[in-house]
PDB file of N, CA and C in Angstrom:
ATOM      1  N   UNK A   1     -94.584  -8.581  62.740  1.00  0.00           N
ATOM      2  CA  UNK A   1     -94.733  -7.422  63.607  1.00  0.00           C
ATOM      3  C   UNK A   1     -95.666  -6.415  62.943  1.00  0.00           C
ATOM      4  N   UNK A   2     -96.531  -5.845  63.704  1.00  0.00           N
ATOM      5  CA  UNK A   2     -97.486  -4.873  63.188  1.00  0.00           C
ATOM      6  C   UNK A   2     -97.025  -3.463  63.564  1.00  0.00           C
ATOM      7  N   UNK A   3     -95.965  -3.031  62.912  1.00  0.00           N
ATOM      8  CA  UNK A   3     -95.356  -1.738  63.234  1.00  0.00           C
ATOM      9  C   UNK A   3     -96.356  -0.585  63.128  1.00  0.00           C
ATOM     10  N   UNK A   4     -97.218  -0.621  62.133  1.00  0.00           N
ATOM     11  CA  UNK A   4     -98.207   0.454  61.997  1.00  0.00           C
ATOM     12  C   UNK A   4     -99.121   0.519  63.209  1.00  0.00           C
ATOM     13  N   UNK A   5     -99.544  -0.610  63.713  1.00  0.00           N
ATOM     14  CA  UNK A   5    -100.420  -0.631  64.891  1.00  0.00           C
ATOM     15  C   UNK A   5     -99.681  -0.079  66.108  1.00  0.00           C
ATOM     16  N   UNK A   6     -98.423  -0.442  66.259  1.00  0.00           N
ATOM     17  CA  UNK A   6     -97.625   0.060  67.383  1.00  0.00           C
ATOM     18  C   UNK A   6     -97.478   1.579  67.276  1.00  0.00           C
ATOM     19  N   UNK A   7     -97.167   2.065  66.087  1.00  0.00           N
ATOM     20  CA  UNK A   7     -97.013   3.501  65.888  1.00  0.00           C
ATOM     21  C   UNK A   7     -98.328   4.236  66.143  1.00  0.00           C
ATOM     22  N   UNK A   8     -99.434   3.678  65.677  1.00  0.00           N
ATOM     23  CA  UNK A   8    -100.745   4.288  65.928  1.00  0.00           C
ATOM     24  C   UNK A   8    -101.048   4.317  67.414  1.00  0.00           C
ATOM     25  N   UNK A   9    -100.746   3.225  68.090  1.00  0.00           N
ATOM     26  CA  UNK A   9    -100.974   3.152  69.530  1.00  0.00           C
ATOM     27  C   UNK A   9    -100.180   4.234  70.254  1.00  0.00           C
ATOM     28  N   UNK A  10     -98.894   4.338  69.954  1.00  0.00           N
ATOM     29  CA  UNK A  10     -98.039   5.313  70.631  1.00  0.00           C
ATOM     30  C   UNK A  10     -98.504   6.745  70.353  1.00  0.00           C
ATOM     31  N   UNK A  11     -98.894   7.004  69.124  1.00  0.00           N
ATOM     32  CA  UNK A  11     -99.419   8.327  68.800  1.00  0.00           C
ATOM     33  C   UNK A  11    -100.685   8.638  69.574  1.00  0.00           C
ATOM     34  N   UNK A  12    -101.545   7.649  69.687  1.00  0.00           N
ATOM     35  CA  UNK A  12    -102.809   7.859  70.400  1.00  0.00           C
ATOM     36  C   UNK A  12    -102.596   8.090  71.892  1.00  0.00           C
ATOM     37  N   UNK A  13    -101.670   7.367  72.513  1.00  0.00           N
ATOM     38  CA  UNK A  13    -101.514   7.577  73.959  1.00  0.00           C
ATOM     39  C   UNK A  13    -100.874   8.932  74.263  1.00  0.00           C
ATOM     40  N   UNK A  14    -100.193   9.510  73.280  1.00  0.00           N
ATOM     41  CA  UNK A  14     -99.628  10.842  73.474  1.00  0.00           C
ATOM     42  C   UNK A  14    -100.673  11.920  73.218  1.00  0.00           C
ATOM     43  N   UNK A  15    -101.522  11.732  72.239  1.00  0.00           N
ATOM     44  CA  UNK A  15    -102.428  12.810  71.818  1.00  0.00           C
ATOM     45  C   UNK A  15    -103.871  12.659  72.298  1.00  0.00           C
ATOM     46  N   UNK A  16    -104.216  11.528  72.883  1.00  0.00           N
ATOM     47  CA  UNK A  16    -105.618  11.284  73.239  1.00  0.00           C
ATOM     48  C   UNK A  16    -105.718  10.843  74.707  1.00  0.00           C
ATOM     49  N   UNK A  17    -106.093  11.787  75.549  1.00  0.00           N
ATOM     50  CA  UNK A  17    -106.172  11.540  76.992  1.00  0.00           C
ATOM     51  C   UNK A  17    -107.101  10.375  77.331  1.00  0.00           C
ATOM     52  N   UNK A  18    -108.276  10.313  76.710  1.00  0.00           N
ATOM     53  CA  UNK A  18    -109.236   9.247  77.003  1.00  0.00           C
ATOM     54  C   UNK A  18    -108.693   7.885  76.603  1.00  0.00           C
ATOM     55  N   UNK A  19    -108.044   7.818  75.430  1.00  0.00           N
ATOM     56  CA  UNK A  19    -107.464   6.551  74.994  1.00  0.00           C
ATOM     57  C   UNK A  19    -106.338   6.122  75.937  1.00  0.00           C
ATOM     58  N   UNK A  20    -105.523   7.091  76.374  1.00  0.00           N
ATOM     59  CA  UNK A  20    -104.414   6.777  77.291  1.00  0.00           C
ATOM     60  C   UNK A  20    -104.948   6.181  78.588  1.00  0.00           C
ATOM     61  N   UNK A  21    -106.004   6.759  79.129  1.00  0.00           N
ATOM     62  CA  UNK A  21    -106.587   6.234  80.370  1.00  0.00           C
ATOM     63  C   UNK A  21    -107.185   4.848  80.155  1.00  0.00           C
ATOM     64  N   UNK A  22    -107.845   4.663  79.019  1.00  0.00           N
ATOM     65  CA  UNK A  22    -108.428   3.361  78.698  1.00  0.00           C
ATOM     66  C   UNK A  22    -107.330   2.306  78.544  1.00  0.00           C
ATOM     67  N   UNK A  23    -106.259   2.652  77.854  1.00  0.00           N
ATOM     68  CA  UNK A  23    -105.151   1.711  77.645  1.00  0.00           C
ATOM     69  C   UNK A  23    -104.457   1.376  78.959  1.00  0.00           C
ATOM     70  N   UNK A  24    -104.352   2.361  79.827  1.00  0.00           N
ATOM     71  CA  UNK A  24    -103.729   2.109  81.126  1.00  0.00           C
ATOM     72  C   UNK A  24    -104.578   1.141  81.949  1.00  0.00           C
ATOM     73  N   UNK A  25    -105.892   1.258  81.835  1.00  0.00           N
ATOM     74  CA  UNK A  25    -106.802   0.377  82.579  1.00  0.00           C
ATOM     75  C   UNK A  25    -106.864  -1.014  81.966  1.00  0.00           C
ATOM     76  N   UNK A  26    -106.897  -1.085  80.638  1.00  0.00           N
ATOM     77  CA  UNK A  26    -106.984  -2.372  79.948  1.00  0.00           C
ATOM     78  C   UNK A  26    -106.393  -2.242  78.553  1.00  0.00           C
ATOM     79  N   UNK A  27    -105.149  -2.581  78.448  1.00  0.00           N
ATOM     80  CA  UNK A  27    -104.423  -2.469  77.192  1.00  0.00           C
ATOM     81  C   UNK A  27    -105.095  -3.270  76.081  1.00  0.00           C
ATOM     82  N   UNK A  28    -105.466  -4.495  76.390  1.00  0.00           N
ATOM     83  CA  UNK A  28    -106.085  -5.362  75.385  1.00  0.00           C
ATOM     84  C   UNK A  28    -107.412  -4.795  74.891  1.00  0.00           C
ATOM     85  N   UNK A  29    -108.231  -4.313  75.817  1.00  0.00           N
ATOM     86  CA  UNK A  29    -109.530  -3.757  75.443  1.00  0.00           C
ATOM     87  C   UNK A  29    -109.355  -2.502  74.584  1.00  0.00           C
ATOM     88  N   UNK A  30    -108.466  -1.619  75.003  1.00  0.00           N
ATOM     89  CA  UNK A  30    -108.246  -0.377  74.257  1.00  0.00           C
ATOM     90  C   UNK A  30    -107.797  -0.662  72.832  1.00  0.00           C
ATOM     91  N   UNK A  31    -106.880  -1.586  72.668  1.00  0.00           N
ATOM     92  CA  UNK A  31    -106.381  -1.925  71.331  1.00  0.00           C
ATOM     93  C   UNK A  31    -107.468  -2.592  70.497  1.00  0.00           C
ATOM     94  N   UNK A  32    -108.197  -3.487  71.102  1.00  0.00           N
ATOM     95  CA  UNK A  32    -109.271  -4.176  70.398  1.00  0.00           C
ATOM     96  C   UNK A  32    -110.341  -3.189  69.949  1.00  0.00           C
ATOM     97  N   UNK A  33    -110.710  -2.299  70.831  1.00  0.00           N
ATOM     98  CA  UNK A  33    -111.746  -1.304  70.539  1.00  0.00           C
ATOM     99  C   UNK A  33    -111.359  -0.416  69.364  1.00  0.00           C
ATOM    100  N   UNK A  34    -110.074  -0.111  69.248  1.00  0.00           N
ATOM    101  CA  UNK A  34    -109.594   0.772  68.185  1.00  0.00           C
ATOM    102  C   UNK A  34    -109.120   0.019  66.947  1.00  0.00           C
ATOM    103  N   UNK A  35    -109.208  -1.316  66.983  1.00  0.00           N
ATOM    104  CA  UNK A  35    -108.794  -2.108  65.835  1.00  0.00           C
ATOM    105  C   UNK A  35    -107.290  -2.180  65.648  1.00  0.00           C
ATOM    106  N   UNK A  36    -106.555  -2.023  66.723  1.00  0.00           N
ATOM    107  CA  UNK A  36    -105.092  -2.095  66.674  1.00  0.00           C
ATOM    108  C   UNK A  36    -104.666  -3.536  66.951  1.00  0.00           C
ATOM    109  N   UNK A  37    -104.356  -4.253  65.902  1.00  0.00           N
ATOM    110  CA  UNK A  37    -104.004  -5.661  66.016  1.00  0.00           C
ATOM    111  C   UNK A  37    -102.499  -5.810  66.189  1.00  0.00           C
ATOM    112  N   UNK A  38    -102.113  -6.405  67.323  1.00  0.00           N
ATOM    113  CA  UNK A  38    -100.699  -6.588  67.633  1.00  0.00           C
ATOM    114  C   UNK A  38    -100.428  -8.007  68.097  1.00  0.00           C
ATOM    115  N   UNK A  39     -99.185  -8.384  67.963  1.00  0.00           N
ATOM    116  CA  UNK A  39     -98.775  -9.712  68.408  1.00  0.00           C
ATOM    117  C   UNK A  39     -98.715  -9.750  69.937  1.00  0.00           C
ATOM    118  N   UNK A  40     -98.658 -10.932  70.481  1.00  0.00           N
ATOM    119  CA  UNK A  40     -98.516 -11.095  71.936  1.00  0.00           C
ATOM    120  C   UNK A  40     -97.224 -10.453  72.420  1.00  0.00           C
ATOM    121  N   UNK A  41     -96.149 -10.602  71.659  1.00  0.00           N
ATOM    122  CA  UNK A  41     -94.868  -9.994  72.041  1.00  0.00           C
ATOM    123  C   UNK A  41     -94.987  -8.475  72.124  1.00  0.00           C
ATOM    124  N   UNK A  42     -95.659  -7.882  71.140  1.00  0.00           N
ATOM    125  CA  UNK A  42     -95.851  -6.432  71.156  1.00  0.00           C
ATOM    126  C   UNK A  42     -96.692  -6.009  72.354  1.00  0.00           C
ATOM    127  N   UNK A  43     -97.741  -6.753  72.628  1.00  0.00           N
ATOM    128  CA  UNK A  43     -98.591  -6.431  73.773  1.00  0.00           C
ATOM    129  C   UNK A  43     -97.802  -6.512  75.073  1.00  0.00           C
ATOM    130  N   UNK A  44     -96.959  -7.516  75.196  1.00  0.00           N
ATOM    131  CA  UNK A  44     -96.137  -7.648  76.405  1.00  0.00           C
ATOM    132  C   UNK A  44     -95.198  -6.457  76.556  1.00  0.00           C
ATOM    133  N   UNK A  45     -94.619  -6.006  75.456  1.00  0.00           N
ATOM    134  CA  UNK A  45     -93.736  -4.835  75.500  1.00  0.00           C
ATOM    135  C   UNK A  45     -94.514  -3.588  75.905  1.00  0.00           C
ATOM    136  N   UNK A  46     -95.701  -3.419  75.365  1.00  0.00           N
ATOM    137  CA  UNK A  46     -96.511  -2.248  75.679  1.00  0.00           C
ATOM    138  C   UNK A  46     -96.967  -2.235  77.129  1.00  0.00           C
ATOM    139  N   UNK A  47     -97.131  -3.395  77.715  1.00  0.00           N
ATOM    140  CA  UNK A  47     -97.551  -3.468  79.119  1.00  0.00           C
ATOM    141  C   UNK A  47     -96.503  -2.848  80.044  1.00  0.00           C
ATOM    142  N   UNK A  48     -95.265  -2.753  79.578  1.00  0.00           N
ATOM    143  CA  UNK A  48     -94.199  -2.179  80.393  1.00  0.00           C
ATOM    144  C   UNK A  48     -94.095  -0.664  80.304  1.00  0.00           C
ATOM    145  N   UNK A  49     -94.973  -0.030  79.526  1.00  0.00           N
ATOM    146  CA  UNK A  49     -94.919   1.422  79.370  1.00  0.00           C
ATOM    147  C   UNK A  49     -95.333   2.137  80.645  1.00  0.00           C
ATOM    148  N   UNK A  50     -94.720   3.273  80.867  1.00  0.00           N
ATOM    149  CA  UNK A  50     -95.103   4.136  81.986  1.00  0.00           C
ATOM    150  C   UNK A  50     -96.042   5.202  81.415  1.00  0.00           C
ATOM    151  N   UNK A  51     -97.332   5.020  81.619  1.00  0.00           N
ATOM    152  CA  UNK A  51     -98.332   5.909  81.038  1.00  0.00           C
ATOM    153  C   UNK A  51     -98.224   7.329  81.584  1.00  0.00           C
ATOM    154  N   UNK A  52     -97.736   7.491  82.799  1.00  0.00           N
ATOM    155  CA  UNK A  52     -97.563   8.825  83.376  1.00  0.00           C
ATOM    156  C   UNK A  52     -96.551   9.630  82.570  1.00  0.00           C
ATOM    157  N   UNK A  53     -95.530   8.974  82.065  1.00  0.00           N
ATOM    158  CA  UNK A  53     -94.543   9.673  81.242  1.00  0.00           C
ATOM    159  C   UNK A  53     -95.171  10.171  79.945  1.00  0.00           C
ATOM    160  N   UNK A  54     -96.081   9.400  79.379  1.00  0.00           N
ATOM    161  CA  UNK A  54     -96.761   9.831  78.159  1.00  0.00           C
ATOM    162  C   UNK A  54     -97.710  10.993  78.463  1.00  0.00           C
ATOM    163  N   UNK A  55     -98.318  10.990  79.636  1.00  0.00           N
ATOM    164  CA  UNK A  55     -99.174  12.105  80.029  1.00  0.00           C
ATOM    165  C   UNK A  55     -98.347  13.377  80.158  1.00  0.00           C
ATOM    166  N   UNK A  56     -97.163  13.260  80.730  1.00  0.00           N
ATOM    167  CA  UNK A  56     -96.267  14.416  80.844  1.00  0.00           C
ATOM    168  C   UNK A  56     -95.849  14.920  79.470  1.00  0.00           C
ATOM    169  N   UNK A  57     -95.541  14.007  78.575  1.00  0.00           N
ATOM    170  CA  UNK A  57     -95.183  14.377  77.211  1.00  0.00           C
ATOM    171  C   UNK A  57     -96.343  15.098  76.534  1.00  0.00           C
ATOM    172  N   UNK A  58     -97.545  14.604  76.732  1.00  0.00           N
ATOM    173  CA  UNK A  58     -98.732  15.199  76.115  1.00  0.00           C
ATOM    174  C   UNK A  58     -98.927  16.642  76.545  1.00  0.00           C
ATOM    175  N   UNK A  59     -98.568  16.954  77.790  1.00  0.00           N
ATOM    176  CA  UNK A  59     -98.731  18.321  78.294  1.00  0.00           C
ATOM    177  C   UNK A  59     -97.881  19.314  77.515  1.00  0.00           C
ATOM    178  N   UNK A  60     -96.793  18.853  76.932  1.00  0.00           N
ATOM    179  CA  UNK A  60     -95.921  19.729  76.168  1.00  0.00           C
ATOM    180  C   UNK A  60     -96.335  19.910  74.722  1.00  0.00           C
ATOM    181  N   UNK A  61     -97.398  19.226  74.308  1.00  0.00           N
ATOM    182  CA  UNK A  61     -97.880  19.304  72.932  1.00  0.00           C
ATOM    183  C   UNK A  61     -99.016  20.316  72.864  1.00  0.00           C
ATOM    184  N   UNK A  62     -98.981  21.167  71.873  1.00  0.00           N
ATOM    185  CA  UNK A  62    -100.027  22.172  71.689  1.00  0.00           C
ATOM    186  C   UNK A  62    -101.401  21.513  71.723  1.00  0.00           C
ATOM    187  N   UNK A  63    -102.325  22.127  72.436  1.00  0.00           N
ATOM    188  CA  UNK A  63    -103.669  21.599  72.596  1.00  0.00           C
ATOM    189  C   UNK A  63    -104.395  21.380  71.274  1.00  0.00           C
ATOM    190  N   UNK A  64    -104.028  22.113  70.237  1.00  0.00           N
ATOM    191  CA  UNK A  64    -104.661  21.953  68.940  1.00  0.00           C
ATOM    192  C   UNK A  64    -104.310  20.610  68.293  1.00  0.00           C
ATOM    193  N   UNK A  65    -103.252  19.982  68.789  1.00  0.00           N
ATOM    194  CA  UNK A  65    -102.808  18.699  68.255  1.00  0.00           C
ATOM    195  C   UNK A  65    -103.287  17.514  69.075  1.00  0.00           C
ATOM    196  N   UNK A  66    -103.970  17.801  70.192  1.00  0.00           N
ATOM    197  CA  UNK A  66    -104.441  16.736  71.083  1.00  0.00           C
ATOM    198  C   UNK A  66    -105.950  16.612  71.020  1.00  0.00           C
ATOM    199  N   UNK A  67    -106.416  15.422  71.387  1.00  0.00           N
ATOM    200  CA  UNK A  67    -107.853  15.195  71.562  1.00  0.00           C
ATOM    201  C   UNK A  67    -108.190  15.483  73.010  1.00  0.00           C
ATOM    202  N   UNK A  68    -109.445  15.832  73.264  1.00  0.00           N
ATOM    203  CA  UNK A  68    -109.939  16.126  74.617  1.00  0.00           C
ATOM    204  C   UNK A  68    -109.449  15.232  75.629  1.00  0.00           C
TER     205      UNK A  68
END
């Protein structure tokens, strides 16, 4: 299991609006582009995420901690 990659991914979808949109459109491409190497099982689990919930969470984070 690539726990670091999963943690990096989750952090990015909360703090980086562009990455979140890219991951929602193509999870595999977004991870590949950022060098986040994960197992097939991890990718399958991530496909079940509700990206809208992460967008809502991001709104509650100070803008100084988020990327554009």
